[in-house]
Amino acid sequence: MKKFIVALLLVMLSISITPQLAQGQCAMCRATVENNISNGTSRVGRGLNTGILYLMSIPYLAFAVIAYLWYQQSKAQRAKKMMIEQRLRNAGVRFS
């Protein structure tokens, strides 16, 4: 339990530090995109949008994979429990 609390505190600390570090880059990205759009090129803007979508999709993908693995594990445990109960019933053991 102590390891869990330490890990949780480290995650919370890293999450609280990250936004301040990331905010410094927003003005630079915006200036670059505005400069390229005013010159008539929009490749940089499209690249930034693609990068944003990529970074946004990773947490959802990770959540979906974890949820699927959790579902498969609970399904296997449920099947194992049903098999044990069936064997006990076949052996004549009664339970309420």
N, C-alpha and C. Protein backbone atom coordinates (compact mmCIF):
# COMPACT_ATOMS: atom_id res chain seq x y z
N MET A 1 0.83 -1.19 0.00
CA MET A 1 0.00 0.00 0.00
C MET A 1 0.87 1.25 0.00
N LYS A 2 2.01 1.17 0.71
CA LYS A 2 2.90 2.32 0.78
C LYS A 2 3.49 2.63 -0.59
N LYS A 3 3.84 1.60 -1.35
CA LYS A 3 4.38 1.80 -2.70
C LYS A 3 3.34 2.45 -3.60
N PHE A 4 2.07 2.05 -3.44
CA PHE A 4 0.99 2.62 -4.24
C PHE A 4 0.84 4.11 -3.96
N ILE A 5 0.91 4.49 -2.69
CA ILE A 5 0.75 5.89 -2.32
C ILE A 5 1.92 6.71 -2.86
N VAL A 6 3.13 6.18 -2.77
CA VAL A 6 4.30 6.88 -3.30
C VAL A 6 4.18 7.05 -4.81
N ALA A 7 3.76 5.98 -5.51
CA ALA A 7 3.59 6.06 -6.96
C ALA A 7 2.51 7.08 -7.32
N LEU A 8 1.42 7.08 -6.57
CA LEU A 8 0.35 8.04 -6.82
C LEU A 8 0.82 9.47 -6.62
N LEU A 9 1.58 9.71 -5.59
CA LEU A 9 2.11 11.05 -5.34
C LEU A 9 3.07 11.48 -6.45
N LEU A 10 3.90 10.58 -6.93
CA LEU A 10 4.81 10.91 -8.03
C LEU A 10 4.05 11.25 -9.31
N VAL A 11 3.00 10.49 -9.59
CA VAL A 11 2.19 10.77 -10.78
C VAL A 11 1.51 12.13 -10.64
N MET A 12 0.94 12.41 -9.47
CA MET A 12 0.28 13.69 -9.26
C MET A 12 1.27 14.85 -9.38
N LEU A 13 2.48 14.66 -8.88
CA LEU A 13 3.50 15.69 -8.97
C LEU A 13 3.89 15.94 -10.42
N SER A 14 4.09 14.87 -11.18
CA SER A 14 4.47 15.05 -12.58
C SER A 14 3.35 15.69 -13.39
N ILE A 15 2.11 15.37 -13.07
CA ILE A 15 0.99 15.99 -13.78
C ILE A 15 0.88 17.47 -13.44
N SER A 16 1.15 17.81 -12.20
CA SER A 16 1.03 19.22 -11.81
C SER A 16 2.17 20.07 -12.38
N ILE A 17 3.33 19.48 -12.64
CA ILE A 17 4.46 20.22 -13.19
C ILE A 17 4.34 20.39 -14.70
N THR A 18 3.83 19.39 -15.39
CA THR A 18 3.81 19.37 -16.85
C THR A 18 3.09 20.56 -17.49
N PRO A 19 1.92 21.00 -17.04
CA PRO A 19 1.26 22.12 -17.72
C PRO A 19 2.08 23.40 -17.74
N GLN A 20 2.81 23.70 -16.66
CA GLN A 20 3.61 24.92 -16.65
C GLN A 20 4.72 24.83 -17.69
N LEU A 21 5.31 23.67 -17.86
CA LEU A 21 6.38 23.51 -18.85
C LEU A 21 5.82 23.59 -20.27
N ALA A 22 4.65 23.06 -20.49
CA ALA A 22 4.06 23.03 -21.83
C ALA A 22 3.53 24.39 -22.26
N GLN A 23 3.12 25.23 -21.34
CA GLN A 23 2.55 26.52 -21.71
C GLN A 23 3.57 27.44 -22.36
N GLY A 24 4.84 27.27 -22.07
CA GLY A 24 5.86 28.12 -22.66
C GLY A 24 5.98 27.92 -24.16
N GLN A 25 5.59 26.79 -24.68
CA GLN A 25 5.73 26.50 -26.10
C GLN A 25 4.52 26.96 -26.91
N CYS A 26 3.42 27.21 -26.30
CA CYS A 26 2.20 27.56 -27.04
C CYS A 26 2.38 28.83 -27.87
N ALA A 27 3.00 29.86 -27.31
CA ALA A 27 3.18 31.10 -28.05
C ALA A 27 4.09 30.90 -29.26
N MET A 28 5.10 30.08 -29.11
CA MET A 28 6.01 29.82 -30.23
C MET A 28 5.31 29.06 -31.35
N CYS A 29 4.53 28.06 -31.01
CA CYS A 29 3.80 27.30 -32.03
C CYS A 29 2.80 28.19 -32.75
N ARG A 30 2.10 28.99 -31.98
CA ARG A 30 1.09 29.88 -32.58
C ARG A 30 1.74 30.87 -33.54
N ALA A 31 2.87 31.44 -33.13
CA ALA A 31 3.57 32.40 -33.98
C ALA A 31 4.05 31.74 -35.27
N THR A 32 4.54 30.52 -35.17
CA THR A 32 5.01 29.79 -36.35
C THR A 32 3.87 29.52 -37.31
N VAL A 33 2.75 29.05 -36.78
CA VAL A 33 1.59 28.75 -37.62
C VAL A 33 1.06 30.03 -38.28
N GLU A 34 0.93 31.11 -37.50
CA GLU A 34 0.44 32.37 -38.07
C GLU A 34 1.37 32.89 -39.15
N ASN A 35 2.67 32.75 -38.95
CA ASN A 35 3.64 33.21 -39.94
C ASN A 35 3.53 32.39 -41.22
N ASN A 36 3.39 31.08 -41.10
CA ASN A 36 3.29 30.23 -42.28
C ASN A 36 1.98 30.44 -43.02
N ILE A 37 0.90 30.67 -42.29
CA ILE A 37 -0.39 30.92 -42.95
C ILE A 37 -0.36 32.25 -43.69
N SER A 38 0.28 33.25 -43.09
CA SER A 38 0.36 34.55 -43.77
C SER A 38 1.23 34.46 -45.04
N ASN A 39 2.18 33.50 -45.06
CA ASN A 39 3.00 33.30 -46.26
C ASN A 39 2.31 32.41 -47.29
N GLY A 40 1.19 31.85 -46.94
CA GLY A 40 0.43 31.02 -47.88
C GLY A 40 0.65 29.53 -47.75
N THR A 41 1.46 29.09 -46.82
CA THR A 41 1.66 27.65 -46.63
C THR A 41 0.94 27.21 -45.35
N SER A 42 0.31 26.08 -45.44
CA SER A 42 -0.42 25.58 -44.26
C SER A 42 0.05 24.19 -43.86
N ARG A 43 1.20 23.75 -44.38
CA ARG A 43 1.70 22.42 -44.03
C ARG A 43 2.05 22.32 -42.54
N VAL A 44 2.63 23.36 -42.00
CA VAL A 44 3.00 23.33 -40.58
C VAL A 44 1.75 23.23 -39.71
N GLY A 45 0.73 23.98 -40.07
CA GLY A 45 -0.53 23.93 -39.32
C GLY A 45 -1.16 22.55 -39.37
N ARG A 46 -1.14 21.94 -40.55
CA ARG A 46 -1.68 20.58 -40.67
C ARG A 46 -0.85 19.59 -39.86
N GLY A 47 0.45 19.78 -39.87
CA GLY A 47 1.33 18.90 -39.09
C GLY A 47 1.08 19.03 -37.60
N LEU A 48 0.89 20.27 -37.13
CA LEU A 48 0.59 20.47 -35.71
C LEU A 48 -0.76 19.86 -35.34
N ASN A 49 -1.75 20.02 -36.20
CA ASN A 49 -3.06 19.43 -35.93
C ASN A 49 -2.99 17.91 -35.88
N THR A 50 -2.22 17.33 -36.79
CA THR A 50 -2.05 15.87 -36.77
C THR A 50 -1.36 15.42 -35.50
N GLY A 51 -0.34 16.15 -35.08
CA GLY A 51 0.35 15.83 -33.84
C GLY A 51 -0.55 15.93 -32.63
N ILE A 52 -1.40 16.95 -32.60
CA ILE A 52 -2.34 17.12 -31.50
C ILE A 52 -3.32 15.95 -31.45
N LEU A 53 -3.84 15.56 -32.61
CA LEU A 53 -4.77 14.44 -32.65
C LEU A 53 -4.09 13.14 -32.23
N TYR A 54 -2.85 12.96 -32.63
CA TYR A 54 -2.10 11.77 -32.24
C TYR A 54 -1.92 11.74 -30.73
N LEU A 55 -1.48 12.84 -30.15
CA LEU A 55 -1.27 12.88 -28.70
C LEU A 55 -2.58 12.73 -27.93
N MET A 56 -3.67 13.23 -28.49
CA MET A 56 -4.96 13.12 -27.84
C MET A 56 -5.49 11.69 -27.88
N SER A 57 -5.18 10.95 -28.93
CA SER A 57 -5.75 9.60 -29.08
C SER A 57 -5.05 8.55 -28.22
N ILE A 58 -3.81 8.77 -27.84
CA ILE A 58 -3.05 7.77 -27.09
C ILE A 58 -3.70 7.42 -25.75
N PRO A 59 -4.13 8.37 -24.92
CA PRO A 59 -4.77 7.99 -23.66
C PRO A 59 -6.06 7.18 -23.87
N TYR A 60 -6.84 7.53 -24.88
CA TYR A 60 -8.06 6.77 -25.15
C TYR A 60 -7.73 5.35 -25.61
N LEU A 61 -6.72 5.22 -26.42
CA LEU A 61 -6.30 3.90 -26.88
C LEU A 61 -5.78 3.07 -25.71
N ALA A 62 -4.99 3.67 -24.85
CA ALA A 62 -4.48 2.96 -23.67
C ALA A 62 -5.64 2.52 -22.77
N PHE A 63 -6.61 3.40 -22.56
CA PHE A 63 -7.77 3.04 -21.74
C PHE A 63 -8.53 1.88 -22.36
N ALA A 64 -8.72 1.90 -23.68
CA ALA A 64 -9.45 0.84 -24.36
C ALA A 64 -8.73 -0.50 -24.23
N VAL A 65 -7.41 -0.49 -24.36
CA VAL A 65 -6.65 -1.73 -24.23
C VAL A 65 -6.74 -2.27 -22.81
N ILE A 66 -6.59 -1.41 -21.83
CA ILE A 66 -6.68 -1.85 -20.43
C ILE A 66 -8.07 -2.38 -20.13
N ALA A 67 -9.11 -1.70 -20.59
CA ALA A 67 -10.48 -2.16 -20.36
C ALA A 67 -10.72 -3.52 -21.02
N TYR A 68 -10.22 -3.71 -22.23
CA TYR A 68 -10.39 -4.99 -22.92
C TYR A 68 -9.67 -6.12 -22.17
N LEU A 69 -8.43 -5.86 -21.73
CA LEU A 69 -7.69 -6.89 -20.99
C LEU A 69 -8.38 -7.21 -19.66
N TRP A 70 -8.91 -6.19 -19.01
CA TRP A 70 -9.62 -6.40 -17.75
C TRP A 70 -10.87 -7.25 -17.99
N TYR A 71 -11.60 -6.94 -19.05
CA TYR A 71 -12.79 -7.70 -19.39
C TYR A 71 -12.45 -9.16 -19.67
N GLN A 72 -11.41 -9.40 -20.44
CA GLN A 72 -11.01 -10.77 -20.76
C GLN A 72 -10.60 -11.53 -19.50
N GLN A 73 -9.89 -10.87 -18.60
CA GLN A 73 -9.47 -11.53 -17.37
C GLN A 73 -10.67 -11.87 -16.49
N SER A 74 -11.61 -10.95 -16.36
CA SER A 74 -12.78 -11.23 -15.53
C SER A 74 -13.64 -12.31 -16.16
N LYS A 75 -13.69 -12.34 -17.47
CA LYS A 75 -14.44 -13.38 -18.18
C LYS A 75 -13.81 -14.76 -17.92
N ALA A 76 -12.50 -14.83 -17.96
CA ALA A 76 -11.80 -16.10 -17.70
C ALA A 76 -11.99 -16.54 -16.26
N GLN A 77 -11.94 -15.60 -15.32
CA GLN A 77 -12.15 -15.95 -13.91
C GLN A 77 -13.57 -16.43 -13.67
N ARG A 78 -14.53 -15.79 -14.32
CA ARG A 78 -15.92 -16.20 -14.19
C ARG A 78 -16.12 -17.62 -14.73
N ALA A 79 -15.50 -17.93 -15.87
CA ALA A 79 -15.61 -19.26 -16.47
C ALA A 79 -14.96 -20.30 -15.56
N LYS A 80 -13.83 -19.97 -14.97
CA LYS A 80 -13.15 -20.90 -14.06
C LYS A 80 -14.01 -21.17 -12.83
N LYS A 81 -14.63 -20.13 -12.30
CA LYS A 81 -15.49 -20.28 -11.13
C LYS A 81 -16.70 -21.15 -11.46
N MET A 82 -17.29 -20.94 -12.64
CA MET A 82 -18.44 -21.75 -13.05
C MET A 82 -18.04 -23.22 -13.22
N MET A 83 -16.84 -23.47 -13.76
CA MET A 83 -16.36 -24.83 -13.95
C MET A 83 -16.16 -25.52 -12.60
N ILE A 84 -15.61 -24.81 -11.63
CA ILE A 84 -15.42 -25.38 -10.29
C ILE A 84 -16.76 -25.68 -9.65
N GLU A 85 -17.71 -24.76 -9.76
CA GLU A 85 -19.04 -25.00 -9.19
C GLU A 85 -19.71 -26.19 -9.84
N GLN A 86 -19.55 -26.34 -11.14
CA GLN A 86 -20.15 -27.47 -11.84
C GLN A 86 -19.53 -28.78 -11.38
N ARG A 87 -18.23 -28.82 -11.18
CA ARG A 87 -17.56 -30.02 -10.69
C ARG A 87 -18.04 -30.38 -9.29
N LEU A 88 -18.22 -29.35 -8.45
CA LEU A 88 -18.71 -29.60 -7.09
C LEU A 88 -20.14 -30.13 -7.12
N ARG A 89 -20.97 -29.60 -8.01
CA ARG A 89 -22.34 -30.11 -8.13
C ARG A 89 -22.33 -31.56 -8.60
N ASN A 90 -21.48 -31.87 -9.56
CA ASN A 90 -21.39 -33.24 -10.06
C ASN A 90 -20.87 -34.20 -8.99
N ALA A 91 -20.06 -33.68 -8.07
CA ALA A 91 -19.55 -34.52 -6.99
C ALA A 91 -20.56 -34.66 -5.85
N GLY A 92 -21.65 -33.97 -5.92
CA GLY A 92 -22.70 -34.09 -4.91
C GLY A 92 -22.58 -33.10 -3.77
N VAL A 93 -21.73 -32.12 -3.89
CA VAL A 93 -21.59 -31.11 -2.85
C VAL A 93 -22.70 -30.09 -3.02
N ARG A 94 -23.39 -29.79 -1.93
CA ARG A 94 -24.46 -28.81 -1.96
C ARG A 94 -24.00 -27.55 -1.27
N PHE A 95 -24.29 -26.43 -1.88
CA PHE A 95 -23.98 -25.15 -1.26
C PHE A 95 -25.13 -24.19 -1.49
N SER A 96 -25.29 -23.30 -0.56
CA SER A 96 -26.47 -22.43 -0.57
C SER A 96 -26.33 -21.22 -1.39
